[in-house]
Amino acid sequence: MVYENFDIFRDRVLIGCHYDIPDTDVVFGLVATLSETPCYIPLSYPTFAHMKGPINGWKPGMDWRDAVAWTLR
């Protein structure tokens, strides 16, 4: 539904959106924000989060290892 009607979401819901064709991150974020259903699946093993600095509010050029907790075992 979001892909087929993205122009409506872009023009009426999103502020300053520059996408004509959204990527999966934009669609998932939109659905997660508007949905009443939690969008996570608890797992029994470690997972990876996107390291997109601007989305996370990191300073330009910041090393992700200085922004998030991490460990090697």
N, C-alpha and C. Protein backbone atom coordinates (compact mmCIF):
# COMPACT_ATOMS: atom_id res chain seq x y z
N MET A 1 0.81 -1.19 0.00
CA MET A 1 0.00 0.00 0.00
C MET A 1 0.87 1.27 0.00
N VAL A 2 1.92 1.28 0.79
CA VAL A 2 2.75 2.48 0.87
C VAL A 2 3.49 2.72 -0.45
N TYR A 3 4.04 1.65 -1.03
CA TYR A 3 4.75 1.82 -2.31
C TYR A 3 3.82 2.34 -3.39
N GLU A 4 2.63 1.75 -3.49
CA GLU A 4 1.70 2.13 -4.55
C GLU A 4 1.17 3.55 -4.37
N ASN A 5 1.11 4.03 -3.14
CA ASN A 5 0.55 5.34 -2.85
C ASN A 5 1.57 6.28 -2.22
N PHE A 6 2.83 6.06 -2.52
CA PHE A 6 3.86 6.84 -1.84
C PHE A 6 3.72 8.33 -2.07
N ASP A 7 3.26 8.75 -3.24
CA ASP A 7 3.12 10.18 -3.49
C ASP A 7 2.18 10.83 -2.48
N ILE A 8 1.15 10.12 -2.04
CA ILE A 8 0.22 10.66 -1.04
C ILE A 8 0.93 10.81 0.30
N PHE A 9 1.65 9.76 0.72
CA PHE A 9 2.39 9.83 1.98
C PHE A 9 3.46 10.92 1.93
N ARG A 10 4.17 10.99 0.80
CA ARG A 10 5.23 11.99 0.64
C ARG A 10 4.67 13.40 0.76
N ASP A 11 3.55 13.65 0.09
CA ASP A 11 3.01 15.00 0.02
C ASP A 11 2.20 15.40 1.25
N ARG A 12 1.60 14.44 1.95
CA ARG A 12 0.70 14.77 3.05
C ARG A 12 1.23 14.42 4.44
N VAL A 13 2.18 13.51 4.52
CA VAL A 13 2.64 13.04 5.83
C VAL A 13 4.10 13.44 6.09
N LEU A 14 4.96 13.20 5.13
CA LEU A 14 6.39 13.44 5.32
C LEU A 14 6.73 14.91 5.08
N ILE A 15 7.66 15.43 5.85
CA ILE A 15 8.08 16.82 5.72
C ILE A 15 9.44 16.86 5.03
N GLY A 16 9.53 17.58 3.93
CA GLY A 16 10.80 17.74 3.23
C GLY A 16 11.32 16.48 2.57
N CYS A 17 10.44 15.57 2.22
CA CYS A 17 10.87 14.32 1.60
C CYS A 17 11.31 14.58 0.16
N HIS A 18 12.48 14.06 -0.21
CA HIS A 18 13.00 14.28 -1.56
C HIS A 18 12.93 13.03 -2.42
N TYR A 19 12.26 12.00 -1.95
CA TYR A 19 12.15 10.75 -2.70
C TYR A 19 10.94 10.76 -3.62
N ASP A 20 11.13 10.37 -4.87
CA ASP A 20 10.00 10.09 -5.76
C ASP A 20 9.67 8.61 -5.67
N ILE A 21 10.71 7.80 -5.55
CA ILE A 21 10.55 6.36 -5.35
C ILE A 21 11.28 6.04 -4.05
N PRO A 22 10.56 5.60 -3.02
CA PRO A 22 11.19 5.39 -1.72
C PRO A 22 12.02 4.12 -1.68
N ASP A 23 13.04 4.13 -0.83
CA ASP A 23 13.77 2.89 -0.59
C ASP A 23 13.10 2.17 0.58
N THR A 24 13.56 0.98 0.87
CA THR A 24 12.91 0.17 1.90
C THR A 24 13.02 0.82 3.28
N ASP A 25 14.10 1.54 3.55
CA ASP A 25 14.24 2.19 4.85
C ASP A 25 13.16 3.25 5.06
N VAL A 26 12.87 4.02 4.03
CA VAL A 26 11.84 5.06 4.13
C VAL A 26 10.48 4.42 4.36
N VAL A 27 10.15 3.40 3.59
CA VAL A 27 8.85 2.74 3.73
C VAL A 27 8.72 2.08 5.10
N PHE A 28 9.74 1.35 5.53
CA PHE A 28 9.67 0.68 6.83
C PHE A 28 9.55 1.71 7.95
N GLY A 29 10.31 2.79 7.88
CA GLY A 29 10.23 3.83 8.90
C GLY A 29 8.86 4.47 8.94
N LEU A 30 8.28 4.72 7.79
CA LEU A 30 6.95 5.30 7.72
C LEU A 30 5.91 4.37 8.34
N VAL A 31 5.95 3.11 7.95
CA VAL A 31 4.99 2.14 8.49
C VAL A 31 5.20 1.94 9.99
N ALA A 32 6.44 1.87 10.43
CA ALA A 32 6.72 1.69 11.86
C ALA A 32 6.21 2.88 12.67
N THR A 33 6.31 4.07 12.11
CA THR A 33 5.85 5.27 12.81
C THR A 33 4.33 5.34 12.87
N LEU A 34 3.67 4.99 11.78
CA LEU A 34 2.21 5.12 11.72
C LEU A 34 1.47 3.92 12.29
N SER A 35 2.13 2.81 12.39
CA SER A 35 1.48 1.57 12.84
C SER A 35 1.38 1.53 14.36
N GLU A 36 0.37 0.84 14.84
CA GLU A 36 0.23 0.62 16.28
C GLU A 36 0.89 -0.68 16.70
N THR A 37 1.39 -1.44 15.75
CA THR A 37 2.03 -2.72 16.03
C THR A 37 3.53 -2.51 16.20
N PRO A 38 4.12 -3.00 17.30
CA PRO A 38 5.58 -2.88 17.44
C PRO A 38 6.28 -3.59 16.28
N CYS A 39 7.28 -2.95 15.71
CA CYS A 39 7.98 -3.50 14.56
C CYS A 39 9.34 -4.05 14.97
N TYR A 40 9.32 -5.10 15.74
CA TYR A 40 10.56 -5.76 16.08
C TYR A 40 10.27 -7.24 16.31
N ILE A 41 11.26 -8.03 16.10
CA ILE A 41 11.16 -9.47 16.32
C ILE A 41 12.32 -9.85 17.23
N PRO A 42 12.04 -10.13 18.51
CA PRO A 42 13.13 -10.51 19.40
C PRO A 42 13.83 -11.78 18.91
N LEU A 43 15.12 -11.77 18.92
CA LEU A 43 15.90 -12.91 18.46
C LEU A 43 16.82 -13.40 19.58
N SER A 44 17.30 -14.60 19.44
CA SER A 44 18.18 -15.17 20.46
C SER A 44 19.65 -14.96 20.12
N TYR A 45 19.94 -14.16 19.10
CA TYR A 45 21.31 -13.91 18.69
C TYR A 45 21.48 -12.43 18.36
N PRO A 46 22.71 -11.94 18.38
CA PRO A 46 22.95 -10.51 18.11
C PRO A 46 22.51 -10.13 16.69
N THR A 47 22.08 -8.92 16.55
CA THR A 47 21.68 -8.40 15.24
C THR A 47 22.46 -7.12 14.96
N PHE A 48 22.32 -6.62 13.77
CA PHE A 48 23.04 -5.45 13.31
C PHE A 48 22.06 -4.32 13.06
N ALA A 49 22.41 -3.12 13.47
CA ALA A 49 21.61 -1.93 13.19
C ALA A 49 22.30 -1.12 12.11
N HIS A 50 21.52 -0.39 11.33
CA HIS A 50 22.11 0.46 10.29
C HIS A 50 23.00 1.51 10.93
N MET A 51 24.13 1.72 10.33
CA MET A 51 25.08 2.71 10.82
C MET A 51 24.98 3.98 9.98
N LYS A 52 23.79 4.54 9.91
CA LYS A 52 23.57 5.74 9.12
C LYS A 52 23.70 6.95 10.02
N GLY A 53 24.85 7.59 9.94
CA GLY A 53 25.16 8.70 10.83
C GLY A 53 24.12 9.79 10.90
N PRO A 54 23.66 10.34 9.76
CA PRO A 54 22.69 11.42 9.83
C PRO A 54 21.39 11.02 10.53
N ILE A 55 20.95 9.80 10.34
CA ILE A 55 19.72 9.35 11.00
C ILE A 55 19.94 9.25 12.51
N ASN A 56 21.13 8.83 12.91
CA ASN A 56 21.44 8.66 14.33
C ASN A 56 21.92 9.94 15.00
N GLY A 57 22.06 11.01 14.25
CA GLY A 57 22.50 12.28 14.82
C GLY A 57 23.99 12.35 15.10
N TRP A 58 24.79 11.52 14.43
CA TRP A 58 26.23 11.54 14.63
C TRP A 58 26.85 12.71 13.89
N LYS A 59 27.94 13.20 14.41
CA LYS A 59 28.67 14.29 13.76
C LYS A 59 29.30 13.77 12.46
N PRO A 60 29.44 14.63 11.44
CA PRO A 60 30.06 14.19 10.18
C PRO A 60 31.45 13.61 10.42
N GLY A 61 31.71 12.48 9.81
CA GLY A 61 33.00 11.82 9.93
C GLY A 61 33.22 11.05 11.22
N MET A 62 32.21 11.01 12.08
CA MET A 62 32.35 10.32 13.36
C MET A 62 32.49 8.82 13.14
N ASP A 63 33.40 8.21 13.85
CA ASP A 63 33.61 6.76 13.79
C ASP A 63 32.48 6.08 14.57
N TRP A 64 31.80 5.14 13.96
CA TRP A 64 30.66 4.49 14.62
C TRP A 64 31.06 3.85 15.93
N ARG A 65 32.32 3.44 16.06
CA ARG A 65 32.76 2.80 17.30
C ARG A 65 32.79 3.77 18.47
N ASP A 66 32.80 5.06 18.17
CA ASP A 66 32.73 6.07 19.22
C ASP A 66 31.29 6.44 19.56
N ALA A 67 30.34 5.93 18.80
CA ALA A 67 28.94 6.29 18.98
C ALA A 67 28.08 5.18 19.60
N VAL A 68 28.48 3.95 19.41
CA VAL A 68 27.67 2.83 19.93
C VAL A 68 28.55 1.88 20.73
N ALA A 69 27.91 1.18 21.64
CA ALA A 69 28.63 0.17 22.42
C ALA A 69 28.91 -1.04 21.53
N TRP A 70 30.09 -1.60 21.63
CA TRP A 70 30.43 -2.77 20.82
C TRP A 70 31.50 -3.56 21.55
N THR A 71 31.60 -4.81 21.20
CA THR A 71 32.61 -5.68 21.79
C THR A 71 32.95 -6.81 20.84
N LEU A 72 34.17 -7.27 20.92
CA LEU A 72 34.59 -8.44 20.15
C LEU A 72 34.84 -9.57 21.13
N ARG A 73 34.39 -10.74 20.79
CA ARG A 73 34.59 -11.90 21.68
C ARG A 73 35.31 -12.99 20.96
